[in-house]
N, C-alpha and C. Protein backbone atom coordinates (compact mmCIF):
# COMPACT_ATOMS: atom_id res chain seq x y z
N UNK A 1 27.15 -37.37 -9.42
CA UNK A 1 26.03 -37.36 -8.83
C UNK A 1 26.42 -36.32 -7.32
N UNK A 2 27.45 -35.94 -6.82
CA UNK A 2 27.62 -35.03 -6.27
C UNK A 2 27.18 -33.30 -6.86
N UNK A 3 27.85 -33.61 -7.98
CA UNK A 3 27.57 -32.37 -8.82
C UNK A 3 26.52 -31.85 -9.37
N UNK A 4 25.54 -32.80 -9.41
CA UNK A 4 24.06 -32.58 -9.56
C UNK A 4 23.22 -32.36 -8.61
N UNK A 5 23.68 -32.83 -7.50
CA UNK A 5 23.24 -32.47 -6.11
C UNK A 5 23.54 -30.80 -5.77
N UNK A 6 24.78 -30.60 -6.08
CA UNK A 6 25.35 -29.51 -5.57
C UNK A 6 24.61 -28.33 -6.11
N UNK A 7 24.50 -28.51 -7.54
CA UNK A 7 23.60 -27.95 -8.72
C UNK A 7 22.27 -27.58 -8.38
N UNK A 8 21.62 -28.53 -7.96
CA UNK A 8 20.18 -28.46 -7.45
C UNK A 8 20.08 -27.96 -6.02
N UNK A 9 21.06 -28.11 -5.12
CA UNK A 9 20.98 -27.25 -3.88
C UNK A 9 21.26 -25.66 -4.13
N UNK A 10 22.18 -25.57 -5.17
CA UNK A 10 22.36 -23.96 -5.33
C UNK A 10 21.14 -23.33 -6.18
N UNK A 11 20.69 -23.99 -7.00
CA UNK A 11 19.40 -23.42 -7.59
C UNK A 11 18.36 -23.29 -6.54
N UNK A 12 17.94 -24.10 -5.83
CA UNK A 12 16.96 -24.08 -4.66
C UNK A 12 16.92 -23.04 -3.80
N UNK A 13 18.46 -22.77 -3.30
CA UNK A 13 18.77 -21.58 -2.33
C UNK A 13 18.62 -20.25 -2.91
N UNK A 14 18.88 -20.28 -4.60
CA UNK A 14 18.77 -19.07 -5.42
C UNK A 14 17.60 -18.82 -5.50
N UNK A 15 16.50 -19.76 -5.65
CA UNK A 15 15.20 -19.63 -6.27
C UNK A 15 14.56 -19.29 -4.90
N UNK A 16 14.62 -19.53 -3.62
CA UNK A 16 14.20 -19.28 -2.46
C UNK A 16 14.47 -18.08 -1.93
N UNK A 17 15.67 -17.25 -2.13
CA UNK A 17 16.23 -15.94 -1.99
C UNK A 17 15.43 -14.82 -2.88
N UNK A 18 15.31 -15.19 -4.04
CA UNK A 18 14.13 -14.54 -4.99
C UNK A 18 12.97 -14.45 -4.90
N UNK A 19 12.37 -15.66 -4.42
CA UNK A 19 10.95 -15.71 -4.09
C UNK A 19 10.92 -14.87 -2.64
N UNK A 20 11.63 -14.95 -1.84
CA UNK A 20 11.60 -14.10 -0.67
C UNK A 20 11.72 -12.60 -0.47
N UNK A 21 12.31 -12.26 -1.70
CA UNK A 21 12.30 -10.95 -1.67
C UNK A 21 11.18 -10.23 -2.55
N UNK A 22 10.56 -11.07 -3.28
CA UNK A 22 9.20 -10.41 -4.03
C UNK A 22 8.69 -9.67 -2.86
N UNK A 23 8.06 -9.76 -1.99
CA UNK A 23 7.29 -8.93 -1.19
C UNK A 23 8.20 -8.28 -0.08
N UNK A 24 8.38 -6.84 -0.08
CA UNK A 24 9.15 -6.23 0.80
C UNK A 24 8.67 -5.27 1.21
N UNK A 25 8.46 -5.05 2.88
CA UNK A 25 7.93 -4.04 3.22
C UNK A 25 8.58 -2.43 3.12
N UNK A 26 8.18 -1.49 2.85
CA UNK A 26 8.50 -0.42 2.64
C UNK A 26 7.96 0.88 3.30
N UNK A 27 8.97 1.57 4.10
CA UNK A 27 8.52 3.10 4.71
C UNK A 27 9.33 4.14 4.05
N UNK A 28 8.40 5.09 3.73
CA UNK A 28 9.12 6.36 3.07
C UNK A 28 8.78 7.45 4.50
N UNK A 29 9.97 8.43 4.40
CA UNK A 29 9.74 9.18 5.62
C UNK A 29 10.02 10.72 4.94
N UNK A 30 9.53 11.55 5.53
CA UNK A 30 9.59 13.25 5.45
C UNK A 30 10.88 13.62 5.94
N UNK A 31 11.35 14.63 5.25
CA UNK A 31 12.89 15.39 5.79
C UNK A 31 12.96 15.35 7.17
N UNK A 32 11.80 15.66 7.87
CA UNK A 32 11.49 15.59 9.17
C UNK A 32 11.84 14.42 10.03
N UNK A 33 11.86 13.15 9.44
CA UNK A 33 11.62 11.80 10.02
C UNK A 33 10.32 11.48 10.52
N UNK A 34 9.21 12.07 10.20
CA UNK A 34 7.95 11.34 10.23
C UNK A 34 7.85 10.51 9.00
N UNK A 35 7.10 9.33 9.25
CA UNK A 35 6.95 8.57 8.31
C UNK A 35 5.69 9.14 7.40
N UNK A 36 5.95 8.94 5.84
CA UNK A 36 5.03 9.59 5.18
C UNK A 36 4.30 8.67 4.40
N UNK A 37 4.75 7.38 4.20
CA UNK A 37 3.81 6.01 3.67
C UNK A 37 4.28 4.91 4.25
N UNK A 38 3.59 3.88 4.33
CA UNK A 38 4.03 2.56 4.56
C UNK A 38 3.12 1.65 4.37
N UNK A 39 3.91 0.54 3.42
CA UNK A 39 3.34 -0.48 2.54
C UNK A 39 4.29 -1.57 2.38
N UNK A 40 3.50 -2.46 1.35
CA UNK A 40 4.24 -3.41 0.61
C UNK A 40 4.88 -3.58 -0.62
N UNK A 41 6.00 -3.58 -1.15
CA UNK A 41 6.48 -3.68 -2.50
C UNK A 41 6.28 -5.34 -2.90
N UNK A 42 5.79 -5.33 -4.25
CA UNK A 42 5.97 -6.34 -4.73
C UNK A 42 6.60 -6.50 -6.03
N UNK A 43 7.91 -6.90 -6.08
CA UNK A 43 8.89 -6.75 -7.20
C UNK A 43 8.68 -5.28 -7.43
N UNK A 44 8.97 -4.55 -6.54
CA UNK A 44 9.46 -3.05 -6.91
C UNK A 44 8.28 -2.15 -6.92
N UNK A 45 6.87 -2.91 -6.75
CA UNK A 45 5.63 -2.07 -7.19
C UNK A 45 4.95 -1.89 -5.90
N UNK A 46 4.17 -0.84 -5.74
CA UNK A 46 3.38 -0.99 -4.67
C UNK A 46 2.03 -1.84 -4.75
N UNK A 47 2.11 -2.50 -3.36
CA UNK A 47 1.13 -3.86 -3.71
C UNK A 47 0.24 -3.75 -2.18
N UNK A 48 -1.08 -4.13 -2.59
CA UNK A 48 -1.85 -3.92 -1.07
C UNK A 48 -2.12 -2.57 -0.41
N UNK A 49 -2.24 -2.78 0.88
CA UNK A 49 -2.83 -1.88 1.69
C UNK A 49 -1.63 -0.75 1.75
N UNK A 50 -1.56 0.46 1.72
CA UNK A 50 -0.82 1.34 1.67
C UNK A 50 -1.37 2.50 2.76
N UNK A 51 -0.57 2.76 4.00
CA UNK A 51 -1.00 4.01 4.95
C UNK A 51 -0.10 5.37 4.50
N UNK A 52 -0.95 6.52 4.60
CA UNK A 52 -0.32 7.55 4.25
C UNK A 52 -0.32 8.67 5.19
N UNK A 53 0.52 9.17 5.54
CA UNK A 53 0.24 10.39 7.13
C UNK A 53 1.05 11.33 6.25
N UNK A 54 0.24 12.67 7.25
CA UNK A 54 0.76 13.89 7.00
C UNK A 54 2.31 14.24 7.60
N UNK A 55 2.96 15.29 7.64
CA UNK A 55 4.54 15.69 7.92
C UNK A 55 4.26 15.77 9.81
N UNK A 56 2.86 16.06 10.15
CA UNK A 56 3.00 15.73 11.75
C UNK A 56 2.49 14.43 12.22
N UNK A 57 2.46 13.50 11.19
CA UNK A 57 2.43 12.26 11.91
C UNK A 57 0.80 11.67 11.72
N UNK A 58 -0.39 12.37 11.51
CA UNK A 58 -1.46 11.90 11.44
C UNK A 58 -1.77 11.51 10.16
N UNK A 59 -2.88 10.40 10.42
CA UNK A 59 -3.18 9.29 8.93
C UNK A 59 -3.91 10.23 8.13
N UNK A 60 -3.39 10.25 6.76
CA UNK A 60 -4.26 11.27 5.97
C UNK A 60 -5.07 10.04 5.05
N UNK A 61 -4.74 8.77 4.58
CA UNK A 61 -5.51 8.01 3.84
C UNK A 61 -4.98 6.59 4.06
N UNK A 62 -5.50 5.71 3.84
CA UNK A 62 -5.33 4.22 3.55
C UNK A 62 -6.03 3.77 2.14
N UNK A 63 -4.93 3.54 1.25
CA UNK A 63 -4.91 3.52 -0.20
C UNK A 63 -4.64 1.87 -0.64
N UNK A 64 -5.41 1.26 -1.31
CA UNK A 64 -5.29 -0.02 -1.77
C UNK A 64 -4.16 -0.02 -3.30
N UNK A 65 -3.18 -1.00 -3.31
CA UNK A 65 -2.61 -0.52 -4.52
C UNK A 65 -2.35 -2.26 -5.30
N UNK A 66 -2.60 -2.36 -6.57
CA UNK A 66 -2.16 -3.57 -7.23
C UNK A 66 -1.37 -2.94 -8.56
N UNK A 67 0.05 -3.68 -8.40
CA UNK A 67 0.99 -3.10 -9.77
C UNK A 67 0.92 -1.55 -9.71
N UNK A 68 1.38 -0.77 -8.51
CA UNK A 68 1.33 0.88 -8.55
C UNK A 68 0.21 1.16 -9.14
N UNK A 69 -0.85 0.31 -9.17
CA UNK A 69 -1.79 1.04 -9.64
C UNK A 69 -2.99 1.23 -8.31
N UNK A 70 -3.88 2.31 -8.45
CA UNK A 70 -4.79 2.27 -7.40
C UNK A 70 -6.14 1.12 -7.60
N UNK A 71 -6.24 0.29 -6.86
CA UNK A 71 -6.98 -0.57 -7.04
C UNK A 71 -7.55 -1.08 -5.92
N UNK A 72 -8.72 -0.94 -5.90
CA UNK A 72 -9.51 -1.24 -4.30
C UNK A 72 -10.08 -0.46 -3.20
N UNK A 73 -10.64 -0.74 -2.42
CA UNK A 73 -10.98 0.45 -1.66
C UNK A 73 -10.25 1.23 -1.09
N UNK A 74 -10.18 2.56 -0.80
CA UNK A 74 -9.63 3.53 -0.19
C UNK A 74 -10.35 4.48 0.41
N UNK A 75 -9.84 5.31 1.55
CA UNK A 75 -10.22 5.86 2.38
C UNK A 75 -8.92 7.03 2.79
N UNK A 76 -10.04 8.36 3.08
CA UNK A 76 -9.28 9.73 3.14
C UNK A 76 -9.80 10.11 4.17
N UNK A 77 -9.00 10.84 5.05
CA UNK A 77 -9.59 11.37 6.54
C UNK A 77 -9.23 12.85 6.52
N UNK A 78 -9.96 13.26 7.60
CA UNK A 78 -9.55 14.88 7.78
C UNK A 78 -8.57 14.40 8.83
N UNK A 79 -8.31 16.00 9.29
CA UNK A 79 -6.90 15.75 10.24
C UNK A 79 -7.42 15.59 11.72
N UNK A 80 -8.82 15.65 11.70
CA UNK A 80 -8.99 15.26 13.49
C UNK A 80 -9.50 13.63 13.23
N UNK A 81 -9.04 12.99 12.22
CA UNK A 81 -9.36 11.50 11.95
C UNK A 81 -10.60 10.76 11.89
N UNK A 82 -11.63 11.75 11.40
CA UNK A 82 -13.02 11.41 10.86
C UNK A 82 -12.72 11.09 9.29
N UNK A 83 -13.59 10.07 8.61
CA UNK A 83 -13.52 9.85 7.37
C UNK A 83 -13.89 10.88 6.78
N UNK A 84 -12.74 11.17 5.64
CA UNK A 84 -13.64 12.42 4.94
C UNK A 84 -13.94 11.60 3.15
N UNK A 85 -13.63 10.80 2.95
CA UNK A 85 -14.04 10.27 1.83
C UNK A 85 -13.69 8.52 1.52
N UNK A 86 -14.67 7.90 1.18
CA UNK A 86 -14.38 6.55 1.06
C UNK A 86 -14.74 6.09 -0.58
N UNK A 87 -14.22 5.36 -1.24
CA UNK A 87 -14.45 5.16 -2.72
C UNK A 87 -13.39 3.87 -2.98
N UNK A 88 -14.06 3.84 -4.35
CA UNK A 88 -12.87 2.02 -4.73
C UNK A 88 -12.55 2.62 -6.23
N UNK A 89 -11.16 1.80 -6.68
CA UNK A 89 -10.72 2.04 -7.75
C UNK A 89 -10.30 0.55 -8.52
N UNK A 90 -10.63 0.77 -9.56
CA UNK A 90 -10.45 -0.64 -10.43
C UNK A 90 -9.59 -0.45 -11.74
N UNK A 91 -8.23 -0.76 -11.43
CA UNK A 91 -7.35 -0.36 -12.32
C UNK A 91 -7.18 1.08 -12.56
N UNK A 92 -6.64 1.85 -11.41
CA UNK A 92 -6.54 3.26 -11.79
C UNK A 92 -7.75 4.36 -12.04
N UNK A 93 -8.97 3.81 -12.22
CA UNK A 93 -10.26 4.42 -12.56
C UNK A 93 -11.22 4.10 -11.46
N UNK A 94 -11.76 4.98 -11.03
CA UNK A 94 -12.67 5.39 -10.02
C UNK A 94 -14.08 4.15 -10.32
N UNK A 95 -14.55 3.57 -9.35
CA UNK A 95 -15.18 2.58 -9.99
C UNK A 95 -16.12 2.13 -8.47
N UNK A 96 -17.75 2.17 -8.89
CA UNK A 96 -18.61 2.29 -7.74
C UNK A 96 -18.95 3.11 -7.29
N UNK A 97 -19.60 2.77 -5.96
CA UNK A 97 -19.98 3.81 -5.02
C UNK A 97 -18.71 4.58 -4.42
N UNK A 98 -19.16 6.10 -4.15
CA UNK A 98 -18.53 6.87 -3.60
C UNK A 98 -18.86 7.58 -2.44
N UNK A 99 -18.64 7.90 -1.12
CA UNK A 99 -19.09 8.23 -0.21
C UNK A 99 -18.30 9.66 0.20
N UNK A 100 -18.76 10.79 0.74
CA UNK A 100 -18.03 11.97 1.12
C UNK A 100 -18.70 12.59 2.66
N UNK A 101 -18.00 12.51 3.10
CA UNK A 101 -18.57 13.18 4.57
C UNK A 101 -18.21 14.43 5.14
N UNK A 102 -18.81 15.04 6.06
CA UNK A 102 -18.41 16.40 6.43
C UNK A 102 -17.14 15.93 7.62
N UNK A 103 -16.60 17.08 7.95
CA UNK A 103 -15.86 17.26 8.94
C UNK A 103 -16.29 16.72 10.20
N UNK A 104 -17.41 16.82 10.63
CA UNK A 104 -17.92 16.43 11.75
C UNK A 104 -18.39 14.77 11.73
N UNK A 105 -18.35 14.12 10.60
CA UNK A 105 -18.70 12.97 10.44
C UNK A 105 -19.84 12.45 9.83
N UNK A 106 -20.79 13.52 9.53
CA UNK A 106 -21.70 13.68 8.99
C UNK A 106 -21.72 13.04 7.54
N UNK A 107 -22.72 12.46 6.83
CA UNK A 107 -22.45 12.08 5.48
C UNK A 107 -23.00 13.39 4.58
N UNK A 108 -21.89 13.70 3.60
CA UNK A 108 -22.10 14.70 2.60
C UNK A 108 -22.79 14.40 1.53
N UNK A 109 -22.55 13.17 0.71
CA UNK A 109 -22.97 12.86 -0.60
C UNK A 109 -22.42 11.30 -0.53
N UNK A 110 -23.39 10.71 -1.44
CA UNK A 110 -23.03 9.28 -1.86
C UNK A 110 -23.23 8.94 -3.26
């Protein structure tokens, strides 16, 4: 009986430790120490919203991933912070509406 309880406890602890490592925050840095990209890894693959930055620290894009594929809403920014492009991906293919703006923020095309 004690052996069964011990085995069950060990299996429970091991399974919890494996499950807790499924989603891991990840940060990639440039050589100059600035953050390049920030997001979540799910079983070693990009998952959810990832933020990408230029070498001088300005936000360049917010991209949604699913199993390392572009999947969902994506936004690209000008260096001044205005939105350059907004589009959607479905399994690494552009899907749906596409918005493009001028640097001053006015709509260029849809």
